[in-house]
Amino acid sequence: IIIEGVLMYIKESEIKELINSISTNLGNV
């Protein structure tokens, strides 16, 4: 997964949500 020039505009709580969602729904990346 590539996330370029994006995450600085997102809140920490949403970053954590994204990490957990990827882990749960996509697996090892």
PDB file of all heavy atoms in Angstrom:
ATOM      1  N   ILE A   1       0.855  -1.185   0.000  1.00  0.00           N
ATOM      2  CA  ILE A   1       0.000   0.000   0.000  1.00  0.00           C
ATOM      3  C   ILE A   1       0.892   1.237   0.000  1.00  0.00           C
ATOM      4  O   ILE A   1       1.842   1.326   0.774  1.00  0.00           O
ATOM      5  CB  ILE A   1      -0.937   0.018   1.225  1.00  0.00           C
ATOM      6  CG1 ILE A   1      -1.913  -1.169   1.167  1.00  0.00           C
ATOM      7  CG2 ILE A   1      -1.712   1.336   1.302  1.00  0.00           C
ATOM      8  CD1 ILE A   1      -2.790  -1.297   2.394  1.00  0.00           C
ATOM      9  N   ILE A   2       0.573   2.187  -0.878  1.00  0.00           N
ATOM     10  CA  ILE A   2       1.305   3.454  -0.954  1.00  0.00           C
ATOM     11  C   ILE A   2       0.359   4.580  -0.574  1.00  0.00           C
ATOM     12  O   ILE A   2      -0.742   4.699  -1.122  1.00  0.00           O
ATOM     13  CB  ILE A   2       1.840   3.695  -2.382  1.00  0.00           C
ATOM     14  CG1 ILE A   2       2.835   2.598  -2.781  1.00  0.00           C
ATOM     15  CG2 ILE A   2       2.501   5.077  -2.484  1.00  0.00           C
ATOM     16  CD1 ILE A   2       3.195   2.605  -4.262  1.00  0.00           C
ATOM     17  N   ILE A   3       0.775   5.398   0.393  1.00  0.00           N
ATOM     18  CA  ILE A   3      -0.030   6.557   0.809  1.00  0.00           C
ATOM     19  C   ILE A   3       0.900   7.771   0.779  1.00  0.00           C
ATOM     20  O   ILE A   3       1.609   8.049   1.743  1.00  0.00           O
ATOM     21  CB  ILE A   3      -0.640   6.367   2.207  1.00  0.00           C
ATOM     22  CG1 ILE A   3      -1.190   4.947   2.404  1.00  0.00           C
ATOM     23  CG2 ILE A   3      -1.746   7.391   2.433  1.00  0.00           C
ATOM     24  CD1 ILE A   3      -1.718   4.676   3.801  1.00  0.00           C
ATOM     25  N   GLU A   4       0.880   8.481  -0.313  1.00  0.00           N
ATOM     26  CA  GLU A   4       1.848   9.567  -0.541  1.00  0.00           C
ATOM     27  C   GLU A   4       1.178  10.937  -0.432  1.00  0.00           C
ATOM     28  O   GLU A   4       0.191  11.215  -1.103  1.00  0.00           O
ATOM     29  CB  GLU A   4       2.480   9.410  -1.929  1.00  0.00           C
ATOM     30  CG  GLU A   4       3.526  10.452  -2.250  1.00  0.00           C
ATOM     31  CD  GLU A   4       4.169  10.244  -3.615  1.00  0.00           C
ATOM     32  OE1 GLU A   4       3.723   9.354  -4.376  1.00  0.00           O
ATOM     33  OE2 GLU A   4       5.121  10.979  -3.931  1.00  0.00           O
ATOM     34  N   GLY A   5       1.732  11.791   0.427  1.00  0.00           N
ATOM     35  CA  GLY A   5       1.233  13.155   0.538  1.00  0.00           C
ATOM     36  C   GLY A   5      -0.184  13.255   1.061  1.00  0.00           C
ATOM     37  O   GLY A   5      -0.917  14.180   0.702  1.00  0.00           O
ATOM     38  N   VAL A   6      -0.587  12.334   1.923  1.00  0.00           N
ATOM     39  CA  VAL A   6      -1.984  12.257   2.368  1.00  0.00           C
ATOM     40  C   VAL A   6      -2.129  12.307   3.888  1.00  0.00           C
ATOM     41  O   VAL A   6      -2.937  13.069   4.429  1.00  0.00           O
ATOM     42  CB  VAL A   6      -2.658  10.967   1.840  1.00  0.00           C
ATOM     43  CG1 VAL A   6      -4.064  10.814   2.416  1.00  0.00           C
ATOM     44  CG2 VAL A   6      -2.694  10.962   0.310  1.00  0.00           C
ATOM     45  N   LEU A   7      -1.360  11.490   4.607  1.00  0.00           N
ATOM     46  CA  LEU A   7      -1.636  11.248   6.019  1.00  0.00           C
ATOM     47  C   LEU A   7      -1.437  12.468   6.914  1.00  0.00           C
ATOM     48  O   LEU A   7      -2.007  12.524   8.010  1.00  0.00           O
ATOM     49  CB  LEU A   7      -0.788  10.080   6.525  1.00  0.00           C
ATOM     50  CG  LEU A   7      -1.107   8.718   5.892  1.00  0.00           C
ATOM     51  CD1 LEU A   7      -0.249   7.621   6.517  1.00  0.00           C
ATOM     52  CD2 LEU A   7      -2.584   8.375   6.040  1.00  0.00           C
ATOM     53  N   MET A   8      -0.681  13.453   6.461  1.00  0.00           N
ATOM     54  CA  MET A   8      -0.498  14.653   7.286  1.00  0.00           C
ATOM     55  C   MET A   8      -1.785  15.468   7.423  1.00  0.00           C
ATOM     56  O   MET A   8      -1.900  16.315   8.306  1.00  0.00           O
ATOM     57  CB  MET A   8       0.626  15.532   6.741  1.00  0.00           C
ATOM     58  CG  MET A   8       0.413  16.055   5.323  1.00  0.00           C
ATOM     59  SD  MET A   8       0.822  14.842   4.055  1.00  0.00           S
ATOM     60  CE  MET A   8       2.590  14.705   4.196  1.00  0.00           C
ATOM     61  N   TYR A   9      -2.770  15.179   6.566  1.00  0.00           N
ATOM     62  CA  TYR A   9      -4.039  15.902   6.620  1.00  0.00           C
ATOM     63  C   TYR A   9      -5.122  15.119   7.383  1.00  0.00           C
ATOM     64  O   TYR A   9      -6.295  15.482   7.349  1.00  0.00           O
ATOM     65  CB  TYR A   9      -4.536  16.185   5.199  1.00  0.00           C
ATOM     66  CG  TYR A   9      -3.521  16.937   4.359  1.00  0.00           C
ATOM     67  CD1 TYR A   9      -2.901  16.335   3.269  1.00  0.00           C
ATOM     68  CD2 TYR A   9      -3.177  18.255   4.665  1.00  0.00           C
ATOM     69  CE1 TYR A   9      -1.966  17.017   2.504  1.00  0.00           C
ATOM     70  CE2 TYR A   9      -2.239  18.940   3.911  1.00  0.00           C
ATOM     71  CZ  TYR A   9      -1.637  18.322   2.831  1.00  0.00           C
ATOM     72  OH  TYR A   9      -0.708  19.005   2.080  1.00  0.00           O
ATOM     73  N   ILE A  10      -4.724  14.048   8.062  1.00  0.00           N
ATOM     74  CA  ILE A  10      -5.669  13.172   8.747  1.00  0.00           C
ATOM     75  C   ILE A  10      -5.333  13.131  10.246  1.00  0.00           C
ATOM     76  O   ILE A  10      -4.167  13.131  10.632  1.00  0.00           O
ATOM     77  CB  ILE A  10      -5.618  11.754   8.135  1.00  0.00           C
ATOM     78  CG1 ILE A  10      -6.020  11.813   6.657  1.00  0.00           C
ATOM     79  CG2 ILE A  10      -6.516  10.799   8.896  1.00  0.00           C
ATOM     80  CD1 ILE A  10      -5.887  10.492   5.941  1.00  0.00           C
ATOM     81  N   LYS A  11      -6.362  13.066  11.081  1.00  0.00           N
ATOM     82  CA  LYS A  11      -6.157  13.040  12.524  1.00  0.00           C
ATOM     83  C   LYS A  11      -5.576  11.702  12.985  1.00  0.00           C
ATOM     84  O   LYS A  11      -5.806  10.670  12.365  1.00  0.00           O
ATOM     85  CB  LYS A  11      -7.491  13.280  13.250  1.00  0.00           C
ATOM     86  CG  LYS A  11      -8.104  14.643  12.990  1.00  0.00           C
ATOM     87  CD  LYS A  11      -9.461  14.742  13.674  1.00  0.00           C
ATOM     88  CE  LYS A  11     -10.136  16.076  13.389  1.00  0.00           C
ATOM     89  NZ  LYS A  11     -11.499  16.134  13.997  1.00  0.00           N
ATOM     90  N   GLU A  12      -4.873  11.745  14.118  1.00  0.00           N
ATOM     91  CA  GLU A  12      -4.267  10.530  14.665  1.00  0.00           C
ATOM     92  C   GLU A  12      -5.313   9.442  14.907  1.00  0.00           C
ATOM     93  O   GLU A  12      -5.074   8.264  14.637  1.00  0.00           O
ATOM     94  CB  GLU A  12      -3.535  10.836  15.968  1.00  0.00           C
ATOM     95  CG  GLU A  12      -2.856   9.611  16.561  1.00  0.00           C
ATOM     96  CD  GLU A  12      -2.225   9.873  17.915  1.00  0.00           C
ATOM     97  OE1 GLU A  12      -1.120  10.452  17.956  1.00  0.00           O
ATOM     98  OE2 GLU A  12      -2.861   9.484  18.920  1.00  0.00           O
ATOM     99  N   SER A  13      -6.471   9.814  15.427  1.00  0.00           N
ATOM    100  CA  SER A  13      -7.512   8.821  15.697  1.00  0.00           C
ATOM    101  C   SER A  13      -7.934   8.093  14.426  1.00  0.00           C
ATOM    102  O   SER A  13      -8.224   6.891  14.450  1.00  0.00           O
ATOM    103  CB  SER A  13      -8.729   9.490  16.342  1.00  0.00           C
ATOM    104  OG  SER A  13      -9.272  10.497  15.493  1.00  0.00           O
ATOM    105  N   GLU A  14      -7.940   8.821  13.311  1.00  0.00           N
ATOM    106  CA  GLU A  14      -8.320   8.211  12.030  1.00  0.00           C
ATOM    107  C   GLU A  14      -7.190   7.344  11.478  1.00  0.00           C
ATOM    108  O   GLU A  14      -7.442   6.347  10.803  1.00  0.00           O
ATOM    109  CB  GLU A  14      -8.710   9.302  11.035  1.00  0.00           C
ATOM    110  CG  GLU A  14      -9.964  10.059  11.438  1.00  0.00           C
ATOM    111  CD  GLU A  14     -10.278  11.222  10.513  1.00  0.00           C
ATOM    112  OE1 GLU A  14      -9.364  12.030  10.243  1.00  0.00           O
ATOM    113  OE2 GLU A  14     -11.431  11.328  10.069  1.00  0.00           O
ATOM    114  N   ILE A  15      -5.953   7.743  11.771  1.00  0.00           N
ATOM    115  CA  ILE A  15      -4.807   6.919  11.375  1.00  0.00           C
ATOM    116  C   ILE A  15      -4.888   5.558  12.070  1.00  0.00           C
ATOM    117  O   ILE A  15      -4.715   4.510  11.452  1.00  0.00           O
ATOM    118  CB  ILE A  15      -3.474   7.597  11.746  1.00  0.00           C
ATOM    119  CG1 ILE A  15      -3.339   8.976  11.103  1.00  0.00           C
ATOM    120  CG2 ILE A  15      -2.292   6.692  11.382  1.00  0.00           C
ATOM    121  CD1 ILE A  15      -3.103   9.004   9.631  1.00  0.00           C
ATOM    122  N   LYS A  16      -5.169   5.587  13.369  1.00  0.00           N
ATOM    123  CA  LYS A  16      -5.308   4.339  14.123  1.00  0.00           C
ATOM    124  C   LYS A  16      -6.447   3.489  13.560  1.00  0.00           C
ATOM    125  O   LYS A  16      -6.327   2.266  13.433  1.00  0.00           O
ATOM    126  CB  LYS A  16      -5.577   4.645  15.598  1.00  0.00           C
ATOM    127  CG  LYS A  16      -4.396   5.241  16.340  1.00  0.00           C
ATOM    128  CD  LYS A  16      -4.764   5.482  17.797  1.00  0.00           C
ATOM    129  CE  LYS A  16      -3.598   6.031  18.597  1.00  0.00           C
ATOM    130  NZ  LYS A  16      -3.960   6.283  20.012  1.00  0.00           N
ATOM    131  N   GLU A  17      -7.546   4.144  13.214  1.00  0.00           N
ATOM    132  CA  GLU A  17      -8.693   3.443  12.636  1.00  0.00           C
ATOM    133  C   GLU A  17      -8.299   2.758  11.331  1.00  0.00           C
ATOM    134  O   GLU A  17      -8.672   1.604  11.075  1.00  0.00           O
ATOM    135  CB  GLU A  17      -9.828   4.430  12.391  1.00  0.00           C
ATOM    136  CG  GLU A  17     -11.052   3.827  11.715  1.00  0.00           C
ATOM    137  CD  GLU A  17     -12.051   4.885  11.271  1.00  0.00           C
ATOM    138  OE1 GLU A  17     -12.002   6.018  11.803  1.00  0.00           O
ATOM    139  OE2 GLU A  17     -12.870   4.594  10.380  1.00  0.00           O
ATOM    140  N   LEU A  18      -7.527   3.470  10.505  1.00  0.00           N
ATOM    141  CA  LEU A  18      -7.099   2.914   9.229  1.00  0.00           C
ATOM    142  C   LEU A  18      -6.191   1.705   9.423  1.00  0.00           C
ATOM    143  O   LEU A  18      -6.339   0.679   8.743  1.00  0.00           O
ATOM    144  CB  LEU A  18      -6.388   3.993   8.397  1.00  0.00           C
ATOM    145  CG  LEU A  18      -5.955   3.595   6.987  1.00  0.00           C
ATOM    146  CD1 LEU A  18      -7.162   3.235   6.129  1.00  0.00           C
ATOM    147  CD2 LEU A  18      -5.147   4.722   6.332  1.00  0.00           C
ATOM    148  N   ILE A  19      -5.250   1.802  10.354  1.00  0.00           N
ATOM    149  CA  ILE A  19      -4.340   0.688  10.642  1.00  0.00           C
ATOM    150  C   ILE A  19      -5.130  -0.546  11.070  1.00  0.00           C
ATOM    151  O   ILE A  19      -4.910  -1.653  10.567  1.00  0.00           O
ATOM    152  CB  ILE A  19      -3.331   1.081  11.743  1.00  0.00           C
ATOM    153  CG1 ILE A  19      -2.375   2.160  11.235  1.00  0.00           C
ATOM    154  CG2 ILE A  19      -2.535  -0.149  12.201  1.00  0.00           C
ATOM    155  CD1 ILE A  19      -1.557   2.822  12.339  1.00  0.00           C
ATOM    156  N   ASN A  20      -6.061  -0.350  11.983  1.00  0.00           N
ATOM    157  CA  ASN A  20      -6.857  -1.477  12.481  1.00  0.00           C
ATOM    158  C   ASN A  20      -7.737  -2.077  11.391  1.00  0.00           C
ATOM    159  O   ASN A  20      -7.884  -3.297  11.309  1.00  0.00           O
ATOM    160  CB  ASN A  20      -7.711  -1.027  13.671  1.00  0.00           C
ATOM    161  CG  ASN A  20      -6.891  -0.808  14.924  1.00  0.00           C
ATOM    162  OD1 ASN A  20      -5.908  -1.486  15.151  1.00  0.00           O
ATOM    163  ND2 ASN A  20      -7.287   0.167  15.734  1.00  0.00           N
ATOM    164  N   SER A  21      -8.305  -1.219  10.542  1.00  0.00           N
ATOM    165  CA  SER A  21      -9.157  -1.705   9.453  1.00  0.00           C
ATOM    166  C   SER A  21      -8.362  -2.524   8.451  1.00  0.00           C
ATOM    167  O   SER A  21      -8.813  -3.583   7.998  1.00  0.00           O
ATOM    168  CB  SER A  21      -9.829  -0.533   8.736  1.00  0.00           C
ATOM    169  OG  SER A  21     -10.790   0.086   9.552  1.00  0.00           O
ATOM    170  N   ILE A  22      -7.163  -2.046   8.110  1.00  0.00           N
ATOM    171  CA  ILE A  22      -6.314  -2.777   7.167  1.00  0.00           C
ATOM    172  C   ILE A  22      -5.941  -4.134   7.753  1.00  0.00           C
ATOM    173  O   ILE A  22      -6.006  -5.163   7.080  1.00  0.00           O
ATOM    174  CB  ILE A  22      -5.057  -1.957   6.817  1.00  0.00           C
ATOM    175  CG1 ILE A  22      -5.442  -0.763   5.930  1.00  0.00           C
ATOM    176  CG2 ILE A  22      -4.021  -2.827   6.099  1.00  0.00           C
ATOM    177  CD1 ILE A  22      -4.317   0.219   5.691  1.00  0.00           C
ATOM    178  N   SER A  23      -5.555  -4.131   9.023  1.00  0.00           N
ATOM    179  CA  SER A  23      -5.166  -5.376   9.672  1.00  0.00           C
ATOM    180  C   SER A  23      -6.322  -6.376   9.701  1.00  0.00           C
ATOM    181  O   SER A  23      -6.151  -7.551   9.367  1.00  0.00           O
ATOM    182  CB  SER A  23      -4.693  -5.100  11.094  1.00  0.00           C
ATOM    183  OG  SER A  23      -4.461  -6.300  11.792  1.00  0.00           O
ATOM    184  N   THR A  24      -7.485  -5.903  10.065  1.00  0.00           N
ATOM    185  CA  THR A  24      -8.648  -6.776  10.213  1.00  0.00           C
ATOM    186  C   THR A  24      -9.196  -7.267   8.884  1.00  0.00           C
ATOM    187  O   THR A  24      -9.527  -8.444   8.724  1.00  0.00           O
ATOM    188  CB  THR A  24      -9.770  -6.038  10.979  1.00  0.00           C
ATOM    189  OG1 THR A  24      -9.276  -5.651  12.265  1.00  0.00           O
ATOM    190  CG2 THR A  24     -10.983  -6.933  11.153  1.00  0.00           C
ATOM    191  N   ASN A  25      -9.293  -6.351   7.895  1.00  0.00           N
ATOM    192  CA  ASN A  25     -10.002  -6.658   6.653  1.00  0.00           C
ATOM    193  C   ASN A  25      -9.113  -7.068   5.486  1.00  0.00           C
ATOM    194  O   ASN A  25      -9.607  -7.685   4.545  1.00  0.00           O
ATOM    195  CB  ASN A  25     -10.842  -5.450   6.228  1.00  0.00           C
ATOM    196  CG  ASN A  25     -11.899  -5.093   7.236  1.00  0.00           C
ATOM    197  OD1 ASN A  25     -12.900  -5.791   7.362  1.00  0.00           O
ATOM    198  ND2 ASN A  25     -11.683  -4.014   7.973  1.00  0.00           N
ATOM    199  N   LEU A  26      -7.831  -6.731   5.569  1.00  0.00           N
ATOM    200  CA  LEU A  26      -6.935  -7.060   4.462  1.00  0.00           C
ATOM    201  C   LEU A  26      -5.858  -8.048   4.862  1.00  0.00           C
ATOM    202  O   LEU A  26      -5.451  -8.901   4.073  1.00  0.00           O
ATOM    203  CB  LEU A  26      -6.302  -5.775   3.901  1.00  0.00           C
ATOM    204  CG  LEU A  26      -5.431  -5.875   2.657  1.00  0.00           C
ATOM    205  CD1 LEU A  26      -6.173  -6.584   1.523  1.00  0.00           C
ATOM    206  CD2 LEU A  26      -5.008  -4.475   2.206  1.00  0.00           C
ATOM    207  N   GLY A  27      -5.385  -7.940   6.086  1.00  0.00           N
ATOM    208  CA  GLY A  27      -4.375  -8.892   6.540  1.00  0.00           C
ATOM    209  C   GLY A  27      -2.987  -8.289   6.572  1.00  0.00           C
ATOM    210  O   GLY A  27      -2.817  -7.106   6.844  1.00  0.00           O
ATOM    211  N   ASN A  28      -1.982  -9.077   6.269  1.00  0.00           N
ATOM    212  CA  ASN A  28      -0.588  -8.651   6.373  1.00  0.00           C
ATOM    213  C   ASN A  28      -0.163  -7.879   5.133  1.00  0.00           C
ATOM    214  O   ASN A  28      -0.217  -8.396   4.013  1.00  0.00           O
ATOM    215  CB  ASN A  28       0.309  -9.866   6.554  1.00  0.00           C
ATOM    216  CG  ASN A  28      -0.077 -10.677   7.789  1.00  0.00           C
ATOM    217  OD1 ASN A  28      -0.600 -10.130   8.759  1.00  0.00           O
ATOM    218  ND2 ASN A  28       0.160 -11.969   7.744  1.00  0.00           N
ATOM    219  N   VAL A  29       0.260  -6.625   5.335  1.00  0.00           N
ATOM    220  CA  VAL A  29       0.644  -5.778   4.212  1.00  0.00           C
ATOM    221  C   VAL A  29       1.866  -4.944   4.558  1.00  0.00           C
ATOM    222  O   VAL A  29       2.182  -4.717   5.734  1.00  0.00           O
ATOM    223  CB  VAL A  29      -0.506  -4.822   3.796  1.00  0.00           C
ATOM    224  CG1 VAL A  29      -1.765  -5.590   3.424  1.00  0.00           C
ATOM    225  CG2 VAL A  29      -0.804  -3.820   4.905  1.00  0.00           C
TER     226      VAL A  29
END
